[in-house]
Amino acid sequence: MVFEEAIVLSLPFDEALAHVKEALAAEGFGVLTEIDVQLILREKLGKEMARYVIVGACNPTLASQALDVLPEIGVLLPCNVVVRESEGDVMVEAMDPGVMSTLTGNAAIAPIAADARARIGRALEQVVRAS
């Protein structure tokens, strides 16, 4: 997928999810949402699938800066990180926040997005080191 950072972990799912949330917190991100896609699809559609959680992470300072520049940027927030089972491993995938400046074409968003990208990159590196 374009604009994505991904890591593969050989950890139990719950442990990997906990590491992701801890690493995001260490980089200043709070978890605004946690969507258990597996549970929702089972309950709503009767569909069985591997574990799949979308973590909606937000760094309040960066979000505030981006919203000050471009109020409609909220449609691209929060930064979503996916934790999912895949063939016995756990995949952790994050959209590159740099896509915000690309999609908006607003140069003032670029340094904010670059900061978010660096923080998410460090968080993913921390998860790899912890595993």
C-alpha atoms as a PDB file:
ATOM      1  CA  MET A   1       0.000   0.000   0.000  1.00  0.00           C
ATOM      2  CA  VAL A   2       1.222   3.501  -0.774  1.00  0.00           C
ATOM      3  CA  PHE A   3       2.069   5.856   2.104  1.00  0.00           C
ATOM      4  CA  GLU A   4       2.338   3.100   4.689  1.00  0.00           C
ATOM      5  CA  GLU A   5       4.834   2.004   7.279  1.00  0.00           C
ATOM      6  CA  ALA A   6       4.595  -1.589   8.469  1.00  0.00           C
ATOM      7  CA  ILE A   7       6.307  -3.995  10.829  1.00  0.00           C
ATOM      8  CA  VAL A   8       5.825  -7.714  11.422  1.00  0.00           C
ATOM      9  CA  LEU A   9       5.952  -9.096  14.956  1.00  0.00           C
ATOM     10  CA  SER A  10       6.141 -12.641  16.269  1.00  0.00           C
ATOM     11  CA  LEU A  11       4.247 -11.850  19.470  1.00  0.00           C
ATOM     12  CA  PRO A  12       0.861 -12.744  20.861  1.00  0.00           C
ATOM     13  CA  PHE A  13      -1.722 -10.286  19.538  1.00  0.00           C
ATOM     14  CA  ASP A  14      -2.631  -8.709  22.889  1.00  0.00           C
ATOM     15  CA  GLU A  15       1.031  -8.174  23.752  1.00  0.00           C
ATOM     16  CA  ALA A  16       1.694  -6.550  20.377  1.00  0.00           C
ATOM     17  CA  LEU A  17      -1.334  -4.268  20.774  1.00  0.00           C
ATOM     18  CA  ALA A  18      -0.173  -3.227  24.246  1.00  0.00           C
ATOM     19  CA  HIS A  19       3.333  -2.469  22.926  1.00  0.00           C
ATOM     20  CA  VAL A  20       1.875  -0.332  20.128  1.00  0.00           C
ATOM     21  CA  LYS A  21      -0.219   1.750  22.526  1.00  0.00           C
ATOM     22  CA  GLU A  22       2.716   2.181  24.941  1.00  0.00           C
ATOM     23  CA  ALA A  23       5.060   3.238  22.135  1.00  0.00           C
ATOM     24  CA  LEU A  24       2.545   5.727  20.764  1.00  0.00           C
ATOM     25  CA  ALA A  25       2.086   7.186  24.266  1.00  0.00           C
ATOM     26  CA  ALA A  26       5.861   7.568  24.610  1.00  0.00           C
ATOM     27  CA  GLU A  27       5.763   9.722  21.455  1.00  0.00           C
ATOM     28  CA  GLY A  28       2.952  11.930  22.778  1.00  0.00           C
ATOM     29  CA  PHE A  29      -0.014  10.185  21.150  1.00  0.00           C
ATOM     30  CA  GLY A  30      -3.168   9.391  23.058  1.00  0.00           C
ATOM     31  CA  VAL A  31      -5.550   6.687  21.929  1.00  0.00           C
ATOM     32  CA  LEU A  32      -8.850   8.324  20.967  1.00  0.00           C
ATOM     33  CA  THR A  33     -10.454   5.221  19.518  1.00  0.00           C
ATOM     34  CA  GLU A  34      -9.882   1.505  19.482  1.00  0.00           C
ATOM     35  CA  ILE A  35     -12.032  -0.308  16.955  1.00  0.00           C
ATOM     36  CA  ASP A  36     -12.171  -4.100  17.195  1.00  0.00           C
ATOM     37  CA  VAL A  37     -13.001  -4.831  13.565  1.00  0.00           C
ATOM     38  CA  GLN A  38     -13.109  -8.597  14.148  1.00  0.00           C
ATOM     39  CA  LEU A  39     -15.759  -8.194  16.856  1.00  0.00           C
ATOM     40  CA  ILE A  40     -17.840  -5.696  14.877  1.00  0.00           C
ATOM     41  CA  LEU A  41     -17.930  -7.829  11.731  1.00  0.00           C
ATOM     42  CA  ARG A  42     -18.774 -10.936  13.756  1.00  0.00           C
ATOM     43  CA  GLU A  43     -21.630  -9.162  15.558  1.00  0.00           C
ATOM     44  CA  LYS A  44     -22.999  -7.234  12.566  1.00  0.00           C
ATOM     45  CA  LEU A  45     -22.390  -9.669   9.700  1.00  0.00           C
ATOM     46  CA  GLY A  46     -21.668 -13.031  11.304  1.00  0.00           C
ATOM     47  CA  LYS A  47     -18.288 -12.905   9.563  1.00  0.00           C
ATOM     48  CA  GLU A  48     -15.270 -14.624  11.088  1.00  0.00           C
ATOM     49  CA  MET A  49     -11.855 -13.146  10.507  1.00  0.00           C
ATOM     50  CA  ALA A  50      -8.452 -12.845  12.146  1.00  0.00           C
ATOM     51  CA  ARG A  51      -7.964 -10.322  14.942  1.00  0.00           C
ATOM     52  CA  TYR A  52      -7.889  -6.785  13.606  1.00  0.00           C
ATOM     53  CA  VAL A  53      -7.852  -3.587  15.675  1.00  0.00           C
ATOM     54  CA  ILE A  54      -7.686  -0.007  14.437  1.00  0.00           C
ATOM     55  CA  VAL A  55      -6.052   2.330  16.970  1.00  0.00           C
ATOM     56  CA  GLY A  56      -6.940   5.990  16.417  1.00  0.00           C
ATOM     57  CA  ALA A  57      -3.972   7.897  17.840  1.00  0.00           C
ATOM     58  CA  CYS A  58      -3.738  11.647  18.294  1.00  0.00           C
ATOM     59  CA  ASN A  59      -0.940  13.931  19.393  1.00  0.00           C
ATOM     60  CA  PRO A  60      -2.909  16.940  20.707  1.00  0.00           C
ATOM     61  CA  THR A  61      -0.152  19.457  20.009  1.00  0.00           C
ATOM     62  CA  LEU A  62       0.305  18.375  16.397  1.00  0.00           C
ATOM     63  CA  ALA A  63      -3.452  18.111  15.826  1.00  0.00           C
ATOM     64  CA  SER A  64      -3.954  21.616  17.189  1.00  0.00           C
ATOM     65  CA  GLN A  65      -1.200  23.023  14.972  1.00  0.00           C
ATOM     66  CA  ALA A  66      -2.656  21.320  11.883  1.00  0.00           C
ATOM     67  CA  LEU A  67      -6.204  22.485  12.677  1.00  0.00           C
ATOM     68  CA  ASP A  68      -4.951  26.063  13.139  1.00  0.00           C
ATOM     69  CA  VAL A  69      -3.474  25.974   9.643  1.00  0.00           C
ATOM     70  CA  LEU A  70      -6.289  24.091   7.939  1.00  0.00           C
ATOM     71  CA  PRO A  71      -9.498  23.418   9.905  1.00  0.00           C
ATOM     72  CA  GLU A  72     -10.751  20.852   7.401  1.00  0.00           C
ATOM     73  CA  ILE A  73      -7.688  18.662   8.068  1.00  0.00           C
ATOM     74  CA  GLY A  74      -9.833  17.000  10.721  1.00  0.00           C
ATOM     75  CA  VAL A  75     -11.135  14.599   8.073  1.00  0.00           C
ATOM     76  CA  LEU A  76      -7.631  13.104   8.007  1.00  0.00           C
ATOM     77  CA  LEU A  77      -7.332  12.814  11.786  1.00  0.00           C
ATOM     78  CA  PRO A  78      -6.596  10.869  13.937  1.00  0.00           C
ATOM     79  CA  CYS A  79      -3.548   8.911  12.815  1.00  0.00           C
ATOM     80  CA  ASN A  80      -4.755   5.332  12.441  1.00  0.00           C
ATOM     81  CA  VAL A  81      -2.544   2.382  13.283  1.00  0.00           C
ATOM     82  CA  VAL A  82      -3.740  -1.121  12.418  1.00  0.00           C
ATOM     83  CA  VAL A  83      -2.753  -4.143  14.468  1.00  0.00           C
ATOM     84  CA  ARG A  84      -3.826  -7.375  12.768  1.00  0.00           C
ATOM     85  CA  GLU A  85      -3.107 -11.073  12.669  1.00  0.00           C
ATOM     86  CA  SER A  86      -1.576 -12.372   9.470  1.00  0.00           C
ATOM     87  CA  GLU A  87      -0.393 -15.928   8.891  1.00  0.00           C
ATOM     88  CA  GLY A  88       0.744 -16.517  12.466  1.00  0.00           C
ATOM     89  CA  ASP A  89       2.364 -13.125  12.900  1.00  0.00           C
ATOM     90  CA  VAL A  90       1.050  -9.722  13.907  1.00  0.00           C
ATOM     91  CA  MET A  91       1.208  -6.891  11.392  1.00  0.00           C
ATOM     92  CA  VAL A  92       1.369  -3.295  12.575  1.00  0.00           C
ATOM     93  CA  GLU A  93       0.628  -0.784   9.844  1.00  0.00           C
ATOM     94  CA  ALA A  94       0.421   2.994   9.946  1.00  0.00           C
ATOM     95  CA  MET A  95      -0.472   5.521   7.300  1.00  0.00           C
ATOM     96  CA  ASP A  96       2.323   7.978   6.663  1.00  0.00           C
ATOM     97  CA  PRO A  97       1.069  11.324   8.064  1.00  0.00           C
ATOM     98  CA  GLY A  98       2.974  12.981   5.225  1.00  0.00           C
ATOM     99  CA  VAL A  99      -0.007  12.106   3.061  1.00  0.00           C
ATOM    100  CA  MET A 100      -1.824  15.001   4.798  1.00  0.00           C
ATOM    101  CA  SER A 101       0.415  17.586   3.178  1.00  0.00           C
ATOM    102  CA  THR A 102       0.311  15.742  -0.136  1.00  0.00           C
ATOM    103  CA  LEU A 103      -3.489  15.589  -0.184  1.00  0.00           C
ATOM    104  CA  THR A 104      -4.031  19.164   0.966  1.00  0.00           C
ATOM    105  CA  GLY A 105      -1.279  20.743  -1.109  1.00  0.00           C
ATOM    106  CA  ASN A 106      -0.738  23.121   1.814  1.00  0.00           C
ATOM    107  CA  ALA A 107       2.982  23.633   2.464  1.00  0.00           C
ATOM    108  CA  ALA A 108       2.341  24.808   6.034  1.00  0.00           C
ATOM    109  CA  ILE A 109       1.079  21.305   6.899  1.00  0.00           C
ATOM    110  CA  ALA A 110       4.310  19.642   5.725  1.00  0.00           C
ATOM    111  CA  PRO A 111       6.446  20.266   8.849  1.00  0.00           C
ATOM    112  CA  ILE A 112       3.594  19.179  11.151  1.00  0.00           C
ATOM    113  CA  ALA A 113       3.078  16.016   9.133  1.00  0.00           C
ATOM    114  CA  ALA A 114       6.841  15.383   9.095  1.00  0.00           C
ATOM    115  CA  ASP A 115       6.922  15.635  12.883  1.00  0.00           C
ATOM    116  CA  ALA A 116       4.000  13.188  13.163  1.00  0.00           C
ATOM    117  CA  ARG A 117       5.705  10.822  10.721  1.00  0.00           C
ATOM    118  CA  ALA A 118       8.950  10.895  12.705  1.00  0.00           C
ATOM    119  CA  ARG A 119       7.071  10.205  15.942  1.00  0.00           C
ATOM    120  CA  ILE A 120       5.124   7.291  14.470  1.00  0.00           C
ATOM    121  CA  GLY A 121       8.324   5.920  12.952  1.00  0.00           C
ATOM    122  CA  ARG A 122      10.047   6.059  16.335  1.00  0.00           C
ATOM    123  CA  ALA A 123       7.047   4.392  17.966  1.00  0.00           C
ATOM    124  CA  LEU A 124       7.183   1.523  15.464  1.00  0.00           C
ATOM    125  CA  GLU A 125      10.945   1.185  16.038  1.00  0.00           C
ATOM    126  CA  GLN A 126      10.288   1.039  19.783  1.00  0.00           C
ATOM    127  CA  VAL A 127       7.715  -1.739  19.251  1.00  0.00           C
ATOM    128  CA  VAL A 128      10.249  -3.738  17.231  1.00  0.00           C
ATOM    129  CA  ARG A 129      12.885  -3.313  19.952  1.00  0.00           C
ATOM    130  CA  ALA A 130      10.398  -4.357  22.660  1.00  0.00           C
ATOM    131  CA  SER A 131       9.418  -7.511  20.834  1.00  0.00           C
END
